[in-house]
Each structure stands twice: as C-alpha cells, then as structure tokens.
PDB file of N, CA and C in Angstrom:
ATOM      1  N   UNK A   1       3.031  -2.251  12.594  1.00  0.00           N
ATOM      2  CA  UNK A   1       3.141  -1.648  11.286  1.00  0.00           C
ATOM      3  C   UNK A   1       1.993  -0.657  11.106  1.00  0.00           C
ATOM      4  N   UNK A   2       2.324   0.510  10.599  1.00  0.00           N
ATOM      5  CA  UNK A   2       1.276   1.507  10.397  1.00  0.00           C
ATOM      6  C   UNK A   2       0.415   1.143   9.192  1.00  0.00           C
ATOM      7  N   UNK A   3      -0.761   1.729   9.144  1.00  0.00           N
ATOM      8  CA  UNK A   3      -1.680   1.434   8.054  1.00  0.00           C
ATOM      9  C   UNK A   3      -1.338   2.291   6.842  1.00  0.00           C
ATOM     10  N   UNK A   4      -0.323   1.861   6.101  1.00  0.00           N
ATOM     11  CA  UNK A   4       0.039   2.561   4.874  1.00  0.00           C
ATOM     12  C   UNK A   4       0.561   1.539   3.879  1.00  0.00           C
ATOM     13  N   UNK A   5       0.471   1.892   2.611  1.00  0.00           N
ATOM     14  CA  UNK A   5       0.923   1.025   1.532  1.00  0.00           C
ATOM     15  C   UNK A   5       2.445   1.001   1.525  1.00  0.00           C
ATOM     16  N   UNK A   6       3.050  -0.186   1.482  1.00  0.00           N
ATOM     17  CA  UNK A   6       4.495  -0.292   1.470  1.00  0.00           C
ATOM     18  C   UNK A   6       5.087   0.154   0.139  1.00  0.00           C
ATOM     19  N   UNK A   7       4.341   0.091  -0.928  1.00  0.00           N
ATOM     20  CA  UNK A   7       4.862   0.453  -2.245  1.00  0.00           C
ATOM     21  C   UNK A   7       4.719   1.946  -2.495  1.00  0.00           C
ATOM     22  N   UNK A   8       3.528   2.497  -2.298  1.00  0.00           N
ATOM     23  CA  UNK A   8       3.257   3.891  -2.638  1.00  0.00           C
ATOM     24  C   UNK A   8       3.256   4.838  -1.449  1.00  0.00           C
ATOM     25  N   UNK A   9       3.122   4.296  -0.241  1.00  0.00           N
ATOM     26  CA  UNK A   9       3.066   5.156   0.939  1.00  0.00           C
ATOM     27  C   UNK A   9       1.697   5.767   1.173  1.00  0.00           C
ATOM     28  N   UNK A  10       0.686   5.286   0.479  1.00  0.00           N
ATOM     29  CA  UNK A  10      -0.671   5.784   0.644  1.00  0.00           C
ATOM     30  C   UNK A  10      -1.140   5.514   2.069  1.00  0.00           C
ATOM     31  N   UNK A  11      -1.756   6.503   2.703  1.00  0.00           N
ATOM     32  CA  UNK A  11      -2.245   6.337   4.061  1.00  0.00           C
ATOM     33  C   UNK A  11      -3.597   7.021   4.191  1.00  0.00           C
ATOM     34  N   UNK A  12      -4.162   6.968   5.390  1.00  0.00           N
ATOM     35  CA  UNK A  12      -5.485   7.531   5.628  1.00  0.00           C
ATOM     36  C   UNK A  12      -5.458   9.047   5.465  1.00  0.00           C
ATOM     37  N   UNK A  13      -6.567   9.593   4.977  1.00  0.00           N
ATOM     38  CA  UNK A  13      -6.721  11.044   4.903  1.00  0.00           C
ATOM     39  C   UNK A  13      -8.029  11.401   5.599  1.00  0.00           C
ATOM     40  N   UNK A  14      -8.210  12.665   5.868  1.00  0.00           N
ATOM     41  CA  UNK A  14      -9.367  13.112   6.636  1.00  0.00           C
ATOM     42  C   UNK A  14     -10.195  14.088   5.823  1.00  0.00           C
ATOM     43  N   UNK A  15     -11.482  14.111   6.101  1.00  0.00           N
ATOM     44  CA  UNK A  15     -12.382  15.009   5.405  1.00  0.00           C
ATOM     45  C   UNK A  15     -13.677  15.118   6.183  1.00  0.00           C
ATOM     46  N   UNK A  16     -14.741  15.454   5.492  1.00  0.00           N
ATOM     47  CA  UNK A  16     -16.034  15.638   6.125  1.00  0.00           C
ATOM     48  C   UNK A  16     -17.055  14.648   5.593  1.00  0.00           C
ATOM     49  N   UNK A  17     -17.911  14.158   6.494  1.00  0.00           N
ATOM     50  CA  UNK A  17     -19.129  13.475   6.085  1.00  0.00           C
ATOM     51  C   UNK A  17     -20.187  14.557   5.962  1.00  0.00           C
ATOM     52  N   UNK A  18     -20.892  14.558   4.851  1.00  0.00           N
ATOM     53  CA  UNK A  18     -21.901  15.586   4.630  1.00  0.00           C
ATOM     54  C   UNK A  18     -23.258  14.913   4.584  1.00  0.00           C
ATOM     55  N   UNK A  19     -24.148  15.308   5.500  1.00  0.00           N
ATOM     56  CA  UNK A  19     -25.473  14.715   5.574  1.00  0.00           C
ATOM     57  C   UNK A  19     -26.396  15.351   4.527  1.00  0.00           C
ATOM     58  N   UNK A  20     -27.614  14.837   4.470  1.00  0.00           N
ATOM     59  CA  UNK A  20     -28.601  15.368   3.535  1.00  0.00           C
ATOM     60  C   UNK A  20     -28.893  16.838   3.820  1.00  0.00           C
ATOM     61  N   UNK A  21     -28.885  17.211   5.102  1.00  0.00           N
ATOM     62  CA  UNK A  21     -29.145  18.609   5.458  1.00  0.00           C
ATOM     63  C   UNK A  21     -27.872  19.467   5.381  1.00  0.00           C
ATOM     64  N   UNK A  22     -26.800  18.850   4.885  1.00  0.00           N
ATOM     65  CA  UNK A  22     -25.507  19.514   4.660  1.00  0.00           C
ATOM     66  C   UNK A  22     -24.755  19.831   5.953  1.00  0.00           C
ATOM     67  N   UNK A  23     -25.063  19.117   7.027  1.00  0.00           N
ATOM     68  CA  UNK A  23     -24.257  19.231   8.243  1.00  0.00           C
ATOM     69  C   UNK A  23     -22.991  18.417   8.040  1.00  0.00           C
ATOM     70  N   UNK A  24     -21.870  18.926   8.513  1.00  0.00           N
ATOM     71  CA  UNK A  24     -20.606  18.227   8.310  1.00  0.00           C
ATOM     72  C   UNK A  24     -20.035  17.739   9.627  1.00  0.00           C
ATOM     73  N   UNK A  25     -19.491  16.531   9.615  1.00  0.00           N
ATOM     74  CA  UNK A  25     -18.748  15.966  10.732  1.00  0.00           C
ATOM     75  C   UNK A  25     -17.480  15.364  10.168  1.00  0.00           C
ATOM     76  N   UNK A  26     -16.414  15.368  10.961  1.00  0.00           N
ATOM     77  CA  UNK A  26     -15.134  14.857  10.488  1.00  0.00           C
ATOM     78  C   UNK A  26     -15.181  13.340  10.328  1.00  0.00           C
ATOM     79  N   UNK A  27     -14.479  12.854   9.322  1.00  0.00           N
ATOM     80  CA  UNK A  27     -14.375  11.420   9.097  1.00  0.00           C
ATOM     81  C   UNK A  27     -13.011  11.090   8.539  1.00  0.00           C
ATOM     82  N   UNK A  28     -12.724   9.805   8.493  1.00  0.00           N
ATOM     83  CA  UNK A  28     -11.422   9.308   8.045  1.00  0.00           C
ATOM     84  C   UNK A  28     -11.615   8.461   6.793  1.00  0.00           C
ATOM     85  N   UNK A  29     -10.841   8.721   5.762  1.00  0.00           N
ATOM     86  CA  UNK A  29     -10.849   7.925   4.541  1.00  0.00           C
ATOM     87  C   UNK A  29      -9.663   6.976   4.603  1.00  0.00           C
ATOM     88  N   UNK A  30      -9.937   5.689   4.825  1.00  0.00           N
ATOM     89  CA  UNK A  30      -8.872   4.692   4.936  1.00  0.00           C
ATOM     90  C   UNK A  30      -8.379   4.282   3.546  1.00  0.00           C
ATOM     91  N   UNK A  31      -7.118   3.925   3.458  1.00  0.00           N
ATOM     92  CA  UNK A  31      -6.564   3.386   2.214  1.00  0.00           C
ATOM     93  C   UNK A  31      -7.099   1.966   2.019  1.00  0.00           C
ATOM     94  N   UNK A  32      -7.246   1.548   0.768  1.00  0.00           N
ATOM     95  CA  UNK A  32      -7.734   0.209   0.452  1.00  0.00           C
ATOM     96  C   UNK A  32      -6.555  -0.760   0.507  1.00  0.00           C
ATOM     97  N   UNK A  33      -6.180  -1.183   1.720  1.00  0.00           N
ATOM     98  CA  UNK A  33      -4.997  -2.015   1.917  1.00  0.00           C
ATOM     99  C   UNK A  33      -5.336  -3.494   1.883  1.00  0.00           C
ATOM    100  N   UNK A  34      -4.453  -4.253   1.254  1.00  0.00           N
ATOM    101  CA  UNK A  34      -4.593  -5.694   1.141  1.00  0.00           C
ATOM    102  C   UNK A  34      -3.255  -6.326   1.527  1.00  0.00           C
ATOM    103  N   UNK A  35      -3.302  -7.463   2.206  1.00  0.00           N
ATOM    104  CA  UNK A  35      -2.093  -8.247   2.437  1.00  0.00           C
ATOM    105  C   UNK A  35      -1.936  -9.190   1.258  1.00  0.00           C
ATOM    106  N   UNK A  36      -0.828  -9.071   0.541  1.00  0.00           N
ATOM    107  CA  UNK A  36      -0.647  -9.820  -0.698  1.00  0.00           C
ATOM    108  C   UNK A  36       0.704 -10.521  -0.663  1.00  0.00           C
ATOM    109  N   UNK A  37       0.725 -11.783  -1.056  1.00  0.00           N
ATOM    110  CA  UNK A  37       1.974 -12.543  -1.133  1.00  0.00           C
ATOM    111  C   UNK A  37       2.441 -12.595  -2.571  1.00  0.00           C
ATOM    112  N   UNK A  38       3.734 -12.359  -2.753  1.00  0.00           N
ATOM    113  CA  UNK A  38       4.337 -12.381  -4.087  1.00  0.00           C
ATOM    114  C   UNK A  38       5.525 -13.332  -4.080  1.00  0.00           C
ATOM    115  N   UNK A  39       5.697 -14.060  -5.177  1.00  0.00           N
ATOM    116  CA  UNK A  39       6.879 -14.893  -5.374  1.00  0.00           C
ATOM    117  C   UNK A  39       7.962 -14.020  -5.991  1.00  0.00           C
ATOM    118  N   UNK A  40       9.132 -13.983  -5.340  1.00  0.00           N
ATOM    119  CA  UNK A  40      10.257 -13.191  -5.836  1.00  0.00           C
ATOM    120  C   UNK A  40      11.333 -14.174  -6.289  1.00  0.00           C
ATOM    121  N   UNK A  41      11.512 -14.325  -7.608  1.00  0.00           N
ATOM    122  CA  UNK A  41      12.463 -15.321  -8.119  1.00  0.00           C
ATOM    123  C   UNK A  41      13.899 -15.089  -7.667  1.00  0.00           C
ATOM    124  N   UNK A  42      14.330 -13.830  -7.570  1.00  0.00           N
ATOM    125  CA  UNK A  42      15.723 -13.564  -7.184  1.00  0.00           C
ATOM    126  C   UNK A  42      16.005 -13.979  -5.741  1.00  0.00           C
ATOM    127  N   UNK A  43      14.988 -13.923  -4.881  1.00  0.00           N
ATOM    128  CA  UNK A  43      15.153 -14.346  -3.496  1.00  0.00           C
ATOM    129  C   UNK A  43      14.840 -15.829  -3.310  1.00  0.00           C
ATOM    130  N   UNK A  44      14.091 -16.389  -4.270  1.00  0.00           N
ATOM    131  CA  UNK A  44      13.725 -17.800  -4.191  1.00  0.00           C
ATOM    132  C   UNK A  44      12.691 -18.090  -3.128  1.00  0.00           C
ATOM    133  N   UNK A  45      11.885 -17.098  -2.777  1.00  0.00           N
ATOM    134  CA  UNK A  45      10.850 -17.301  -1.765  1.00  0.00           C
ATOM    135  C   UNK A  45       9.736 -16.285  -1.942  1.00  0.00           C
ATOM    136  N   UNK A  46       8.685 -16.454  -1.131  1.00  0.00           N
ATOM    137  CA  UNK A  46       7.564 -15.524  -1.152  1.00  0.00           C
ATOM    138  C   UNK A  46       7.788 -14.426  -0.124  1.00  0.00           C
ATOM    139  N   UNK A  47       7.237 -13.244  -0.419  1.00  0.00           N
ATOM    140  CA  UNK A  47       7.220 -12.165   0.562  1.00  0.00           C
ATOM    141  C   UNK A  47       5.786 -11.676   0.685  1.00  0.00           C
ATOM    142  N   UNK A  48       5.440 -11.173   1.853  1.00  0.00           N
ATOM    143  CA  UNK A  48       4.107 -10.640   2.096  1.00  0.00           C
ATOM    144  C   UNK A  48       4.220  -9.133   2.216  1.00  0.00           C
ATOM    145  N   UNK A  49       3.434  -8.419   1.424  1.00  0.00           N
ATOM    146  CA  UNK A  49       3.425  -6.966   1.447  1.00  0.00           C
ATOM    147  C   UNK A  49       2.026  -6.476   1.787  1.00  0.00           C
ATOM    148  N   UNK A  50       1.965  -5.347   2.489  1.00  0.00           N
ATOM    149  CA  UNK A  50       0.691  -4.685   2.739  1.00  0.00           C
ATOM    150  C   UNK A  50       0.606  -3.550   1.729  1.00  0.00           C
ATOM    151  N   UNK A  51      -0.209  -3.747   0.682  1.00  0.00           N
ATOM    152  CA  UNK A  51      -0.266  -2.801  -0.430  1.00  0.00           C
ATOM    153  C   UNK A  51      -1.693  -2.363  -0.696  1.00  0.00           C
ATOM    154  N   UNK A  52      -1.818  -1.171  -1.260  1.00  0.00           N
ATOM    155  CA  UNK A  52      -3.126  -0.671  -1.657  1.00  0.00           C
ATOM    156  C   UNK A  52      -3.488  -1.277  -3.011  1.00  0.00           C
ATOM    157  N   UNK A  53      -4.725  -1.094  -3.427  1.00  0.00           N
ATOM    158  CA  UNK A  53      -5.167  -1.605  -4.721  1.00  0.00           C
ATOM    159  C   UNK A  53      -4.350  -0.973  -5.843  1.00  0.00           C
ATOM    160  N   UNK A  54      -4.046   0.307  -5.724  1.00  0.00           N
ATOM    161  CA  UNK A  54      -3.219   0.979  -6.727  1.00  0.00           C
ATOM    162  C   UNK A  54      -1.782   0.460  -6.679  1.00  0.00           C
ATOM    163  N   UNK A  55      -1.307   0.093  -5.487  1.00  0.00           N
ATOM    164  CA  UNK A  55       0.028  -0.485  -5.350  1.00  0.00           C
ATOM    165  C   UNK A  55       0.133  -1.832  -6.046  1.00  0.00           C
ATOM    166  N   UNK A  56      -0.934  -2.629  -6.002  1.00  0.00           N
ATOM    167  CA  UNK A  56      -0.963  -3.914  -6.700  1.00  0.00           C
ATOM    168  C   UNK A  56      -0.836  -3.685  -8.201  1.00  0.00           C
ATOM    169  N   UNK A  57      -1.541  -2.687  -8.712  1.00  0.00           N
ATOM    170  CA  UNK A  57      -1.452  -2.369 -10.139  1.00  0.00           C
ATOM    171  C   UNK A  57      -0.060  -1.880 -10.505  1.00  0.00           C
ATOM    172  N   UNK A  58       0.579  -1.138  -9.605  1.00  0.00           N
ATOM    173  CA  UNK A  58       1.946  -0.664  -9.840  1.00  0.00           C
ATOM    174  C   UNK A  58       2.909  -1.840  -9.926  1.00  0.00           C
ATOM    175  N   UNK A  59       2.756  -2.824  -9.039  1.00  0.00           N
ATOM    176  CA  UNK A  59       3.603  -4.022  -9.072  1.00  0.00           C
ATOM    177  C   UNK A  59       3.378  -4.787 -10.361  1.00  0.00           C
ATOM    178  N   UNK A  60       2.132  -4.892 -10.810  1.00  0.00           N
ATOM    179  CA  UNK A  60       1.834  -5.581 -12.060  1.00  0.00           C
ATOM    180  C   UNK A  60       2.499  -4.883 -13.245  1.00  0.00           C
ATOM    181  N   UNK A  61       2.540  -3.566 -13.203  1.00  0.00           N
ATOM    182  CA  UNK A  61       3.091  -2.789 -14.311  1.00  0.00           C
ATOM    183  C   UNK A  61       4.626  -2.801 -14.308  1.00  0.00           C
ATOM    184  N   UNK A  62       5.245  -2.567 -13.141  1.00  0.00           N
ATOM    185  CA  UNK A  62       6.698  -2.439 -13.055  1.00  0.00           C
ATOM    186  C   UNK A  62       7.414  -3.753 -12.806  1.00  0.00           C
ATOM    187  N   UNK A  63       6.726  -4.702 -12.201  1.00  0.00           N
ATOM    188  CA  UNK A  63       7.333  -5.990 -11.879  1.00  0.00           C
ATOM    189  C   UNK A  63       7.765  -6.035 -10.422  1.00  0.00           C
ATOM    190  N   UNK A  64       7.665  -7.215  -9.828  1.00  0.00           N
ATOM    191  CA  UNK A  64       7.965  -7.372  -8.409  1.00  0.00           C
ATOM    192  C   UNK A  64       9.445  -7.168  -8.126  1.00  0.00           C
ATOM    193  N   UNK A  65      10.328  -7.558  -9.052  1.00  0.00           N
ATOM    194  CA  UNK A  65      11.773  -7.402  -8.843  1.00  0.00           C
ATOM    195  C   UNK A  65      12.145  -5.934  -8.679  1.00  0.00           C
ATOM    196  N   UNK A  66      11.598  -5.083  -9.520  1.00  0.00           N
ATOM    197  CA  UNK A  66      11.878  -3.647  -9.465  1.00  0.00           C
ATOM    198  C   UNK A  66      11.365  -3.039  -8.168  1.00  0.00           C
ATOM    199  N   UNK A  67      10.178  -3.419  -7.770  1.00  0.00           N
ATOM    200  CA  UNK A  67       9.569  -2.873  -6.553  1.00  0.00           C
ATOM    201  C   UNK A  67      10.347  -3.329  -5.319  1.00  0.00           C
ATOM    202  N   UNK A  68      10.750  -4.599  -5.277  1.00  0.00           N
ATOM    203  CA  UNK A  68      11.507  -5.118  -4.138  1.00  0.00           C
ATOM    204  C   UNK A  68      12.861  -4.416  -4.040  1.00  0.00           C
ATOM    205  N   UNK A  69      13.509  -4.169  -5.177  1.00  0.00           N
ATOM    206  CA  UNK A  69      14.790  -3.456  -5.168  1.00  0.00           C
ATOM    207  C   UNK A  69      14.628  -2.054  -4.592  1.00  0.00           C
ATOM    208  N   UNK A  70      13.537  -1.383  -4.945  1.00  0.00           N
ATOM    209  CA  UNK A  70      13.270  -0.037  -4.414  1.00  0.00           C
ATOM    210  C   UNK A  70      12.990  -0.083  -2.912  1.00  0.00           C
ATOM    211  N   UNK A  71      12.212  -1.073  -2.461  1.00  0.00           N
ATOM    212  CA  UNK A  71      11.915  -1.210  -1.035  1.00  0.00           C
ATOM    213  C   UNK A  71      13.176  -1.492  -0.232  1.00  0.00           C
ATOM    214  N   UNK A  72      14.065  -2.322  -0.769  1.00  0.00           N
ATOM    215  CA  UNK A  72      15.316  -2.620  -0.071  1.00  0.00           C
ATOM    216  C   UNK A  72      16.215  -1.393  -0.018  1.00  0.00           C
ATOM    217  N   UNK A  73      16.219  -0.580  -1.067  1.00  0.00           N
ATOM    218  CA  UNK A  73      17.028   0.642  -1.085  1.00  0.00           C
ATOM    219  C   UNK A  73      16.532   1.637  -0.035  1.00  0.00           C
ATOM    220  N   UNK A  74      15.217   1.678   0.161  1.00  0.00           N
ATOM    221  CA  UNK A  74      14.630   2.570   1.175  1.00  0.00           C
ATOM    222  C   UNK A  74      14.803   2.031   2.585  1.00  0.00           C
ATOM    223  N   UNK A  75      15.163   0.744   2.702  1.00  0.00           N
ATOM    224  CA  UNK A  75      15.322   0.120   4.014  1.00  0.00           C
ATOM    225  C   UNK A  75      14.015  -0.347   4.616  1.00  0.00           C
ATOM    226  N   UNK A  76      12.982  -0.426   3.806  1.00  0.00           N
ATOM    227  CA  UNK A  76      11.672  -0.818   4.293  1.00  0.00           C
ATOM    228  C   UNK A  76      11.507  -2.340   4.298  1.00  0.00           C
ATOM    229  N   UNK A  77      12.340  -3.019   3.555  1.00  0.00           N
ATOM    230  CA  UNK A  77      12.251  -4.475   3.436  1.00  0.00           C
ATOM    231  C   UNK A  77      13.618  -5.045   3.780  1.00  0.00           C
ATOM    232  N   UNK A  78      13.731  -5.733   4.931  1.00  0.00           N
ATOM    233  CA  UNK A  78      15.018  -6.314   5.309  1.00  0.00           C
ATOM    234  C   UNK A  78      14.999  -7.805   5.063  1.00  0.00           C
ATOM    235  N   UNK A  79      15.480  -8.156   3.900  1.00  0.00           N
ATOM    236  CA  UNK A  79      15.560  -9.573   3.520  1.00  0.00           C
ATOM    237  C   UNK A  79      16.995  -9.887   3.183  1.00  0.00           C
TER     238      UNK A  79
END
C-alpha cells in the first residue's frame, strides 16, 4: 500500500530544507498518516484505514458510513 491517506488522498510532497546560511537542499514532507480502526455498524465489524490527521477529522465530521460508501464507490475498499 502506498503512503497516502485513504480518505483524502493526501501524500508526500517535496520542497527545500533551508539552513541558517540559506543554503537549500531537497527534502520530503510526509503526510501525517495513522492506522485507525473504526466500527462500521452497517457491516457489523471493524475496518482498519490508513488516514491522515485531517482525514480523521473528516470522518468525525461526515461519519464513517458516508466515508465507507465513498471508498466502496471508488473501489478502494473491497468489503
């Protein structure tokens, strides 16, 4: 599985590290990914999602049922 949020699709981005003397070198900004288990009442079981911190807030706001329905429509979740 690639390192991206299953809900939002957030993934790593690239930029520069800037030192005190203002020299720049390339660096990678990783997404804040967490493995989180959610109880889905319609399925009657738990599912594990790899989501970013913002994705967790999105699930809290929209509800797990809505998010799971969207993931299944995209074909990202085969349950």
